[in-house]
Amino acid sequence: MQTNKRREVAVSPVVGVMLMLAVTIIIAAVVSSFSGGMAQSTPKAPQISIRAEAHNNTDIIIDFNGGDTVSGGAITLKTFIPSGMYQDMSYKVNLSDSANVIYLPTGAGLNNCTTSFGYTSCTWYNIQPGDKIQINWADAFAVTSYGPMAPAVGDPVDIEIYDSASGKMIATTQTIILP
């Protein structure tokens, strides 16, 4: 008579696959936790609330109503014309030129400006809720040989503020051009 003898010295294939799957999941979790920690190291863009008032051929006044305190050197300001003769025109305002921008009240924004060899350099201070920026009309819109490409009285204009580091929009408002 023949006897069947079974040799059981190895792990079954099903158990082996389950062990390999468990090890793979553990390694993926460790790698994910490390990469997730690196992604959180980027600073968040500040959040601010603004209101604007635009006077035709004079100026635009931007009120900082609330939110985070920001450095004037850390933001980029753009004007955008959503309708009218110059529809879809966008223009980046040069905030670093002390002749273009006036900060109200004194002590906020751009101070301690010095001019050397025709170049003006300034020290930026923080802009906080309650501060205002006044921008000259001609500096707020693109200028051609025919004059500024600006909206007319009664037309809307969007004022957008971007975080210079991330490029993300941190505030926007729309105002109507006043006479």
N, C-alpha and C. Protein backbone atom coordinates (compact mmCIF):
# COMPACT_ATOMS: atom_id res chain seq x y z
N MET A 1 0.81 -1.17 0.00
CA MET A 1 0.00 0.00 0.00
C MET A 1 0.87 1.25 0.00
N GLN A 2 0.42 2.23 -0.73
CA GLN A 2 1.19 3.46 -0.88
C GLN A 2 0.66 4.51 0.08
N THR A 3 1.56 5.21 0.68
CA THR A 3 1.19 6.26 1.63
C THR A 3 1.61 7.61 1.04
N ASN A 4 0.70 8.55 1.10
CA ASN A 4 1.02 9.91 0.62
C ASN A 4 1.56 10.71 1.78
N LYS A 5 2.75 11.15 1.61
CA LYS A 5 3.36 11.98 2.64
C LYS A 5 3.42 13.42 2.12
N ARG A 6 3.01 14.34 2.96
CA ARG A 6 3.00 15.77 2.60
C ARG A 6 4.13 16.46 3.32
N ARG A 7 4.82 17.25 2.58
CA ARG A 7 5.90 18.02 3.19
C ARG A 7 5.42 19.46 3.31
N GLU A 8 5.32 19.96 4.52
CA GLU A 8 4.86 21.33 4.76
C GLU A 8 5.97 22.12 5.41
N VAL A 9 6.86 22.66 4.60
CA VAL A 9 7.97 23.44 5.12
C VAL A 9 7.92 24.89 4.67
N ALA A 10 7.09 25.25 3.70
CA ALA A 10 7.03 26.61 3.17
C ALA A 10 5.71 27.28 3.54
N VAL A 11 5.70 28.61 3.40
CA VAL A 11 4.50 29.39 3.65
C VAL A 11 3.64 29.29 2.40
N SER A 12 2.35 29.26 2.58
CA SER A 12 1.47 29.14 1.42
C SER A 12 1.57 30.41 0.57
N PRO A 13 1.34 30.34 -0.74
CA PRO A 13 1.43 31.50 -1.62
C PRO A 13 0.48 32.63 -1.21
N VAL A 14 -0.67 32.34 -0.70
CA VAL A 14 -1.63 33.35 -0.30
C VAL A 14 -1.08 34.17 0.87
N VAL A 15 -0.51 33.49 1.86
CA VAL A 15 0.06 34.18 3.01
C VAL A 15 1.25 35.02 2.57
N GLY A 16 2.05 34.54 1.66
CA GLY A 16 3.21 35.30 1.15
C GLY A 16 2.79 36.58 0.45
N VAL A 17 1.75 36.50 -0.37
CA VAL A 17 1.25 37.70 -1.05
C VAL A 17 0.70 38.69 -0.04
N MET A 18 0.00 38.22 0.98
CA MET A 18 -0.54 39.11 2.01
C MET A 18 0.58 39.81 2.78
N LEU A 19 1.66 39.13 3.08
CA LEU A 19 2.79 39.74 3.78
C LEU A 19 3.45 40.82 2.90
N MET A 20 3.63 40.53 1.62
CA MET A 20 4.24 41.52 0.73
C MET A 20 3.33 42.75 0.59
N LEU A 21 2.03 42.57 0.53
CA LEU A 21 1.09 43.67 0.44
C LEU A 21 1.14 44.53 1.70
N ALA A 22 1.21 43.92 2.86
CA ALA A 22 1.29 44.67 4.12
C ALA A 22 2.57 45.51 4.18
N VAL A 23 3.69 44.94 3.78
CA VAL A 23 4.96 45.68 3.79
C VAL A 23 4.88 46.86 2.82
N THR A 24 4.31 46.65 1.64
CA THR A 24 4.17 47.72 0.65
C THR A 24 3.31 48.87 1.19
N ILE A 25 2.22 48.56 1.87
CA ILE A 25 1.34 49.59 2.44
C ILE A 25 2.07 50.37 3.53
N ILE A 26 2.84 49.70 4.35
CA ILE A 26 3.60 50.39 5.41
C ILE A 26 4.63 51.32 4.80
N ILE A 27 5.35 50.89 3.79
CA ILE A 27 6.35 51.75 3.14
C ILE A 27 5.67 52.95 2.48
N ALA A 28 4.53 52.76 1.83
CA ALA A 28 3.81 53.87 1.20
C ALA A 28 3.34 54.87 2.25
N ALA A 29 2.90 54.41 3.41
CA ALA A 29 2.47 55.32 4.47
C ALA A 29 3.62 56.16 5.00
N VAL A 30 4.79 55.55 5.16
CA VAL A 30 5.97 56.28 5.65
C VAL A 30 6.39 57.34 4.64
N VAL A 31 6.47 56.98 3.38
CA VAL A 31 6.86 57.95 2.33
C VAL A 31 5.83 59.08 2.25
N SER A 32 4.56 58.76 2.33
CA SER A 32 3.51 59.78 2.28
C SER A 32 3.60 60.75 3.45
N SER A 33 3.89 60.25 4.63
CA SER A 33 3.98 61.15 5.79
C SER A 33 5.16 62.11 5.67
N PHE A 34 6.28 61.64 5.11
CA PHE A 34 7.42 62.53 4.92
C PHE A 34 7.14 63.59 3.85
N SER A 35 6.56 63.18 2.73
CA SER A 35 6.29 64.15 1.67
C SER A 35 5.18 65.11 2.08
N GLY A 36 4.23 64.69 2.86
CA GLY A 36 3.18 65.58 3.36
C GLY A 36 3.74 66.64 4.29
N GLY A 37 4.73 66.31 5.08
CA GLY A 37 5.37 67.27 5.96
C GLY A 37 6.13 68.32 5.18
N MET A 38 6.72 67.95 4.06
CA MET A 38 7.46 68.91 3.25
C MET A 38 6.52 69.89 2.56
N ALA A 39 5.36 69.43 2.15
CA ALA A 39 4.41 70.30 1.45
C ALA A 39 3.85 71.37 2.38
N GLN A 40 3.78 71.11 3.67
CA GLN A 40 3.23 72.07 4.61
C GLN A 40 4.22 73.15 4.99
N SER A 41 5.46 73.05 4.55
CA SER A 41 6.45 74.04 4.93
C SER A 41 6.33 75.34 4.14
N THR A 42 5.55 75.36 3.05
CA THR A 42 5.38 76.60 2.29
C THR A 42 4.44 77.53 3.06
N PRO A 43 4.81 78.81 3.16
CA PRO A 43 3.97 79.74 3.92
C PRO A 43 2.66 80.05 3.18
N LYS A 44 1.63 80.30 3.94
CA LYS A 44 0.33 80.63 3.36
C LYS A 44 0.32 82.10 2.96
N ALA A 45 -0.39 82.40 1.90
CA ALA A 45 -0.54 83.78 1.45
C ALA A 45 -1.42 84.53 2.45
N PRO A 46 -1.11 85.79 2.72
CA PRO A 46 -1.96 86.56 3.65
C PRO A 46 -3.33 86.81 3.04
N GLN A 47 -4.29 87.10 3.88
CA GLN A 47 -5.64 87.43 3.44
C GLN A 47 -5.96 88.84 3.92
N ILE A 48 -6.45 89.68 3.02
CA ILE A 48 -6.80 91.05 3.39
C ILE A 48 -8.14 91.41 2.77
N SER A 49 -8.75 92.45 3.31
CA SER A 49 -10.01 92.97 2.80
C SER A 49 -9.78 94.42 2.39
N ILE A 50 -10.19 94.77 1.17
CA ILE A 50 -9.97 96.13 0.67
C ILE A 50 -11.26 96.72 0.13
N ARG A 51 -11.26 98.05 0.03
CA ARG A 51 -12.32 98.80 -0.63
C ARG A 51 -11.62 99.88 -1.43
N ALA A 52 -12.12 100.23 -2.59
CA ALA A 52 -11.46 101.23 -3.43
C ALA A 52 -12.44 102.31 -3.88
N GLU A 53 -11.87 103.48 -4.14
CA GLU A 53 -12.63 104.61 -4.66
C GLU A 53 -11.77 105.23 -5.76
N ALA A 54 -12.35 105.39 -6.95
CA ALA A 54 -11.60 105.92 -8.09
C ALA A 54 -12.22 107.22 -8.57
N HIS A 55 -11.39 108.24 -8.69
CA HIS A 55 -11.81 109.56 -9.17
C HIS A 55 -11.19 109.79 -10.54
N ASN A 56 -12.03 110.02 -11.55
CA ASN A 56 -11.58 110.16 -12.93
C ASN A 56 -10.45 111.17 -13.07
N ASN A 57 -9.39 110.74 -13.73
CA ASN A 57 -8.20 111.57 -14.03
C ASN A 57 -7.53 112.14 -12.80
N THR A 58 -7.78 111.60 -11.61
CA THR A 58 -7.15 112.10 -10.39
C THR A 58 -6.36 111.00 -9.70
N ASP A 59 -7.09 110.06 -9.05
CA ASP A 59 -6.42 109.02 -8.28
C ASP A 59 -7.35 107.86 -7.96
N ILE A 60 -6.76 106.81 -7.43
CA ILE A 60 -7.49 105.68 -6.87
C ILE A 60 -7.03 105.55 -5.43
N ILE A 61 -7.98 105.48 -4.51
CA ILE A 61 -7.65 105.32 -3.09
C ILE A 61 -8.11 103.93 -2.66
N ILE A 62 -7.19 103.16 -2.11
CA ILE A 62 -7.49 101.81 -1.65
C ILE A 62 -7.43 101.80 -0.13
N ASP A 63 -8.54 101.41 0.50
CA ASP A 63 -8.62 101.28 1.96
C ASP A 63 -8.38 99.83 2.33
N PHE A 64 -7.48 99.60 3.27
CA PHE A 64 -7.26 98.27 3.82
C PHE A 64 -8.20 98.12 5.01
N ASN A 65 -9.30 97.38 4.82
CA ASN A 65 -10.35 97.28 5.84
C ASN A 65 -10.05 96.26 6.93
N GLY A 66 -9.39 95.18 6.62
CA GLY A 66 -9.15 94.14 7.62
C GLY A 66 -8.29 93.04 7.07
N GLY A 67 -8.02 92.07 7.92
CA GLY A 67 -7.20 90.93 7.52
C GLY A 67 -5.81 91.01 8.09
N ASP A 68 -4.89 90.34 7.42
CA ASP A 68 -3.51 90.25 7.87
C ASP A 68 -2.75 91.54 7.57
N THR A 69 -1.72 91.79 8.35
CA THR A 69 -0.79 92.88 8.08
C THR A 69 0.18 92.39 7.01
N VAL A 70 0.42 93.21 5.98
CA VAL A 70 1.31 92.82 4.89
C VAL A 70 2.37 93.89 4.68
N SER A 71 3.50 93.48 4.16
CA SER A 71 4.54 94.42 3.79
C SER A 71 4.22 94.96 2.40
N GLY A 72 4.38 96.25 2.21
CA GLY A 72 4.13 96.83 0.90
C GLY A 72 5.01 96.23 -0.18
N GLY A 73 6.19 95.74 0.21
CA GLY A 73 7.09 95.11 -0.75
C GLY A 73 6.70 93.68 -1.08
N ALA A 74 5.72 93.12 -0.37
CA ALA A 74 5.33 91.71 -0.57
C ALA A 74 4.04 91.57 -1.36
N ILE A 75 3.51 92.68 -1.89
CA ILE A 75 2.26 92.60 -2.65
C ILE A 75 2.44 93.21 -4.03
N THR A 76 1.61 92.77 -4.95
CA THR A 76 1.56 93.30 -6.30
C THR A 76 0.13 93.76 -6.54
N LEU A 77 -0.03 94.96 -7.08
CA LEU A 77 -1.36 95.52 -7.32
C LEU A 77 -1.60 95.62 -8.82
N LYS A 78 -2.79 95.20 -9.25
CA LYS A 78 -3.16 95.27 -10.66
C LYS A 78 -4.53 95.92 -10.80
N THR A 79 -4.71 96.67 -11.88
CA THR A 79 -6.02 97.18 -12.24
C THR A 79 -6.51 96.38 -13.44
N PHE A 80 -7.82 96.15 -13.51
CA PHE A 80 -8.41 95.39 -14.60
C PHE A 80 -9.71 96.07 -14.99
N ILE A 81 -9.89 96.32 -16.29
CA ILE A 81 -11.09 96.98 -16.80
C ILE A 81 -12.00 95.90 -17.40
N PRO A 82 -13.12 95.56 -16.72
CA PRO A 82 -13.96 94.46 -17.19
C PRO A 82 -14.91 94.81 -18.34
N SER A 83 -15.17 96.10 -18.59
CA SER A 83 -16.07 96.46 -19.68
C SER A 83 -15.74 97.88 -20.15
N GLY A 84 -16.39 98.30 -21.20
CA GLY A 84 -16.16 99.63 -21.74
C GLY A 84 -15.19 99.62 -22.90
N MET A 85 -14.70 100.79 -23.25
CA MET A 85 -13.83 100.96 -24.42
C MET A 85 -12.54 100.14 -24.32
N TYR A 86 -11.98 100.04 -23.14
CA TYR A 86 -10.71 99.32 -22.95
C TYR A 86 -10.94 97.99 -22.22
N GLN A 87 -12.01 97.30 -22.56
CA GLN A 87 -12.39 96.05 -21.92
C GLN A 87 -11.24 95.05 -21.94
N ASP A 88 -11.08 94.35 -20.80
CA ASP A 88 -10.09 93.29 -20.59
C ASP A 88 -8.65 93.80 -20.52
N MET A 89 -8.45 95.11 -20.35
CA MET A 89 -7.10 95.65 -20.16
C MET A 89 -6.70 95.47 -18.69
N SER A 90 -5.49 94.98 -18.49
CA SER A 90 -4.96 94.78 -17.15
C SER A 90 -3.62 95.49 -17.06
N TYR A 91 -3.32 96.05 -15.89
CA TYR A 91 -2.07 96.78 -15.74
C TYR A 91 -1.50 96.58 -14.33
N LYS A 92 -0.23 96.27 -14.27
CA LYS A 92 0.46 96.10 -12.98
C LYS A 92 0.98 97.47 -12.54
N VAL A 93 0.57 97.89 -11.33
CA VAL A 93 0.97 99.20 -10.78
C VAL A 93 2.32 99.05 -10.10
N ASN A 94 3.23 99.98 -10.37
CA ASN A 94 4.56 99.95 -9.76
C ASN A 94 4.48 100.55 -8.35
N LEU A 95 4.35 99.70 -7.34
CA LEU A 95 4.24 100.17 -5.95
C LEU A 95 5.58 100.62 -5.38
N SER A 96 6.68 100.25 -6.01
CA SER A 96 7.98 100.60 -5.44
C SER A 96 8.43 102.00 -5.81
N ASP A 97 7.72 102.68 -6.71
CA ASP A 97 8.07 104.04 -7.10
C ASP A 97 7.37 105.02 -6.16
N SER A 98 8.13 105.72 -5.35
CA SER A 98 7.55 106.61 -4.34
C SER A 98 6.80 107.79 -4.95
N ALA A 99 7.06 108.10 -6.23
CA ALA A 99 6.35 109.21 -6.87
C ALA A 99 4.94 108.79 -7.28
N ASN A 100 4.71 107.48 -7.44
CA ASN A 100 3.42 106.98 -7.90
C ASN A 100 2.43 106.72 -6.78
N VAL A 101 2.93 106.40 -5.59
CA VAL A 101 2.07 105.91 -4.52
C VAL A 101 2.25 106.77 -3.28
N ILE A 102 1.15 107.16 -2.68
CA ILE A 102 1.17 107.90 -1.42
C ILE A 102 0.48 107.05 -0.38
N TYR A 103 1.13 106.88 0.77
CA TYR A 103 0.56 106.06 1.83
C TYR A 103 -0.02 106.95 2.91
N LEU A 104 -1.25 106.65 3.30
CA LEU A 104 -1.94 107.41 4.32
C LEU A 104 -2.36 106.44 5.42
N PRO A 105 -2.22 106.65 6.66
CA PRO A 105 -1.57 107.78 7.29
C PRO A 105 -0.05 107.65 7.25
N THR A 106 0.64 108.74 7.57
CA THR A 106 2.09 108.73 7.59
C THR A 106 2.56 107.70 8.59
N GLY A 107 3.60 106.97 8.25
CA GLY A 107 4.11 105.93 9.13
C GLY A 107 3.77 104.55 8.63
N ALA A 108 2.88 104.46 7.66
CA ALA A 108 2.55 103.16 7.08
C ALA A 108 3.12 103.10 5.68
N GLY A 109 3.38 101.91 5.22
CA GLY A 109 3.78 101.71 3.84
C GLY A 109 5.21 102.07 3.54
N LEU A 110 5.41 102.97 2.57
CA LEU A 110 6.71 103.28 2.02
C LEU A 110 7.29 104.52 2.70
N ASN A 111 8.40 104.38 3.37
CA ASN A 111 9.05 105.48 4.08
C ASN A 111 10.55 105.42 3.87
N ASN A 112 11.24 106.42 4.37
CA ASN A 112 12.70 106.46 4.33
C ASN A 112 13.25 106.28 2.92
N CYS A 113 12.77 107.06 1.98
CA CYS A 113 13.22 106.96 0.59
C CYS A 113 14.46 107.83 0.38
N THR A 114 15.41 107.30 -0.36
CA THR A 114 16.59 108.05 -0.73
C THR A 114 16.81 107.89 -2.23
N THR A 115 17.31 108.95 -2.85
CA THR A 115 17.58 108.90 -4.28
C THR A 115 19.07 109.03 -4.51
N SER A 116 19.60 108.11 -5.30
CA SER A 116 21.02 108.13 -5.61
C SER A 116 21.18 107.75 -7.08
N PHE A 117 21.87 108.59 -7.84
CA PHE A 117 22.11 108.37 -9.26
C PHE A 117 20.81 108.15 -10.03
N GLY A 118 19.76 108.87 -9.66
CA GLY A 118 18.48 108.79 -10.34
C GLY A 118 17.64 107.59 -9.97
N TYR A 119 18.09 106.79 -9.03
CA TYR A 119 17.34 105.60 -8.60
C TYR A 119 16.86 105.80 -7.17
N THR A 120 15.56 105.59 -6.95
CA THR A 120 14.98 105.76 -5.62
C THR A 120 14.86 104.41 -4.95
N SER A 121 15.40 104.31 -3.74
CA SER A 121 15.22 103.08 -2.97
C SER A 121 14.55 103.45 -1.66
N CYS A 122 13.65 102.59 -1.21
CA CYS A 122 12.85 102.88 -0.03
C CYS A 122 12.81 101.66 0.89
N THR A 123 12.51 101.93 2.13
CA THR A 123 12.31 100.88 3.11
C THR A 123 10.81 100.68 3.28
N TRP A 124 10.36 99.44 3.19
CA TRP A 124 8.94 99.14 3.32
C TRP A 124 8.58 98.90 4.77
N TYR A 125 7.43 99.39 5.14
CA TYR A 125 6.85 99.09 6.44
C TYR A 125 5.57 98.31 6.21
N ASN A 126 5.01 97.79 7.27
CA ASN A 126 3.80 96.99 7.15
C ASN A 126 2.58 97.85 6.87
N ILE A 127 1.70 97.33 6.03
CA ILE A 127 0.40 97.95 5.77
C ILE A 127 -0.60 97.13 6.56
N GLN A 128 -1.37 97.80 7.37
CA GLN A 128 -2.31 97.12 8.25
C GLN A 128 -3.71 97.68 8.08
N PRO A 129 -4.70 96.99 8.65
CA PRO A 129 -6.07 97.50 8.53
C PRO A 129 -6.17 98.95 9.03
N GLY A 130 -6.86 99.77 8.27
CA GLY A 130 -6.99 101.19 8.58
C GLY A 130 -6.10 102.07 7.71
N ASP A 131 -5.06 101.49 7.09
CA ASP A 131 -4.18 102.25 6.21
C ASP A 131 -4.81 102.41 4.84
N LYS A 132 -4.34 103.41 4.09
CA LYS A 132 -4.82 103.68 2.74
C LYS A 132 -3.64 103.86 1.81
N ILE A 133 -3.86 103.55 0.54
CA ILE A 133 -2.88 103.79 -0.51
C ILE A 133 -3.57 104.68 -1.54
N GLN A 134 -2.90 105.75 -1.94
CA GLN A 134 -3.41 106.63 -3.00
C GLN A 134 -2.50 106.48 -4.20
N ILE A 135 -3.08 106.11 -5.35
CA ILE A 135 -2.31 105.89 -6.57
C ILE A 135 -2.72 106.93 -7.59
N ASN A 136 -1.73 107.58 -8.21
CA ASN A 136 -2.00 108.57 -9.25
C ASN A 136 -2.71 107.88 -10.42
N TRP A 137 -3.67 108.58 -11.02
CA TRP A 137 -4.48 108.04 -12.12
C TRP A 137 -3.62 107.51 -13.26
N ALA A 138 -2.66 108.30 -13.71
CA ALA A 138 -1.83 107.91 -14.86
C ALA A 138 -0.95 106.70 -14.55
N ASP A 139 -0.68 106.45 -13.26
CA ASP A 139 0.15 105.30 -12.88
C ASP A 139 -0.67 104.04 -12.67
N ALA A 140 -2.00 104.15 -12.68
CA ALA A 140 -2.87 103.00 -12.42
C ALA A 140 -3.28 102.27 -13.69
N PHE A 141 -3.02 102.87 -14.86
CA PHE A 141 -3.44 102.27 -16.12
C PHE A 141 -2.32 102.39 -17.14
N ALA A 142 -2.35 101.53 -18.15
CA ALA A 142 -1.35 101.56 -19.22
C ALA A 142 -1.46 102.89 -19.97
N VAL A 143 -0.32 103.44 -20.33
CA VAL A 143 -0.28 104.72 -21.03
C VAL A 143 0.28 104.51 -22.44
N THR A 144 -0.42 105.07 -23.42
CA THR A 144 0.05 105.03 -24.80
C THR A 144 0.36 106.46 -25.24
N SER A 145 0.74 106.62 -26.47
CA SER A 145 1.00 107.97 -26.99
C SER A 145 -0.28 108.81 -27.03
N TYR A 146 -1.44 108.15 -26.97
CA TYR A 146 -2.72 108.85 -26.95
C TYR A 146 -3.22 109.15 -25.54
N GLY A 147 -2.49 108.69 -24.54
CA GLY A 147 -2.88 108.89 -23.15
C GLY A 147 -3.15 107.57 -22.45
N PRO A 148 -3.66 107.63 -21.21
CA PRO A 148 -3.92 106.39 -20.47
C PRO A 148 -5.09 105.60 -21.05
N MET A 149 -4.95 104.30 -21.03
CA MET A 149 -6.03 103.41 -21.45
C MET A 149 -6.86 103.13 -20.19
N ALA A 150 -7.67 104.11 -19.82
CA ALA A 150 -8.39 104.08 -18.55
C ALA A 150 -9.90 104.05 -18.80
N PRO A 151 -10.63 103.55 -17.81
CA PRO A 151 -12.09 103.53 -17.95
C PRO A 151 -12.67 104.94 -17.85
N ALA A 152 -13.88 105.11 -18.39
CA ALA A 152 -14.56 106.40 -18.36
C ALA A 152 -15.41 106.50 -17.08
N VAL A 153 -15.92 107.70 -16.81
CA VAL A 153 -16.79 107.91 -15.66
C VAL A 153 -17.99 106.97 -15.77
N GLY A 154 -18.30 106.27 -14.70
CA GLY A 154 -19.41 105.32 -14.67
C GLY A 154 -19.02 103.89 -15.00
N ASP A 155 -17.82 103.70 -15.57
CA ASP A 155 -17.36 102.34 -15.89
C ASP A 155 -16.77 101.68 -14.64
N PRO A 156 -16.84 100.35 -14.58
CA PRO A 156 -16.23 99.65 -13.44
C PRO A 156 -14.73 99.43 -13.66
N VAL A 157 -14.01 99.28 -12.57
CA VAL A 157 -12.61 98.86 -12.60
C VAL A 157 -12.38 97.92 -11.42
N ASP A 158 -11.69 96.82 -11.68
CA ASP A 158 -11.35 95.86 -10.63
C ASP A 158 -9.95 96.18 -10.11
N ILE A 159 -9.82 96.17 -8.80
CA ILE A 159 -8.51 96.34 -8.16
C ILE A 159 -8.16 94.98 -7.56
N GLU A 160 -7.03 94.42 -7.97
CA GLU A 160 -6.61 93.10 -7.51
C GLU A 160 -5.27 93.21 -6.82
N ILE A 161 -5.14 92.54 -5.67
CA ILE A 161 -3.87 92.52 -4.95
C ILE A 161 -3.40 91.07 -4.87
N TYR A 162 -2.14 90.85 -5.25
CA TYR A 162 -1.54 89.52 -5.28
C TYR A 162 -0.40 89.44 -4.27
N ASP A 163 -0.21 88.26 -3.70
CA ASP A 163 0.95 87.98 -2.87
C ASP A 163 2.13 87.76 -3.82
N SER A 164 3.18 88.56 -3.70
CA SER A 164 4.31 88.47 -4.63
C SER A 164 5.02 87.12 -4.55
N ALA A 165 5.09 86.52 -3.37
CA ALA A 165 5.82 85.26 -3.21
C ALA A 165 5.11 84.10 -3.90
N SER A 166 3.80 83.97 -3.70
CA SER A 166 3.08 82.83 -4.26
C SER A 166 2.38 83.14 -5.57
N GLY A 167 2.16 84.43 -5.86
CA GLY A 167 1.44 84.83 -7.06
C GLY A 167 -0.06 84.67 -6.92
N LYS A 168 -0.55 84.30 -5.73
CA LYS A 168 -1.99 84.11 -5.50
C LYS A 168 -2.68 85.43 -5.22
N MET A 169 -3.91 85.57 -5.73
CA MET A 169 -4.70 86.75 -5.45
C MET A 169 -5.13 86.70 -3.98
N ILE A 170 -4.90 87.80 -3.24
CA ILE A 170 -5.27 87.81 -1.83
C ILE A 170 -6.40 88.80 -1.55
N ALA A 171 -6.72 89.65 -2.49
CA ALA A 171 -7.84 90.59 -2.31
C ALA A 171 -8.27 91.12 -3.67
N THR A 172 -9.56 91.39 -3.79
CA THR A 172 -10.07 92.02 -4.99
C THR A 172 -11.31 92.83 -4.63
N THR A 173 -11.52 93.91 -5.34
CA THR A 173 -12.71 94.72 -5.18
C THR A 173 -13.00 95.39 -6.51
N GLN A 174 -14.25 95.78 -6.70
CA GLN A 174 -14.63 96.52 -7.90
C GLN A 174 -15.21 97.85 -7.47
N THR A 175 -14.88 98.89 -8.21
CA THR A 175 -15.40 100.21 -7.95
C THR A 175 -15.83 100.84 -9.27
N ILE A 176 -16.70 101.82 -9.17
CA ILE A 176 -17.17 102.56 -10.34
C ILE A 176 -16.42 103.89 -10.38
N ILE A 177 -16.00 104.31 -11.57
CA ILE A 177 -15.23 105.55 -11.72
C ILE A 177 -16.16 106.73 -11.43
N LEU A 178 -15.75 107.55 -10.48
CA LEU A 178 -16.49 108.75 -10.10
C LEU A 178 -15.96 109.94 -10.88
N PRO A 179 -16.81 110.99 -11.04
CA PRO A 179 -16.32 112.19 -11.78
C PRO A 179 -15.23 112.90 -11.02
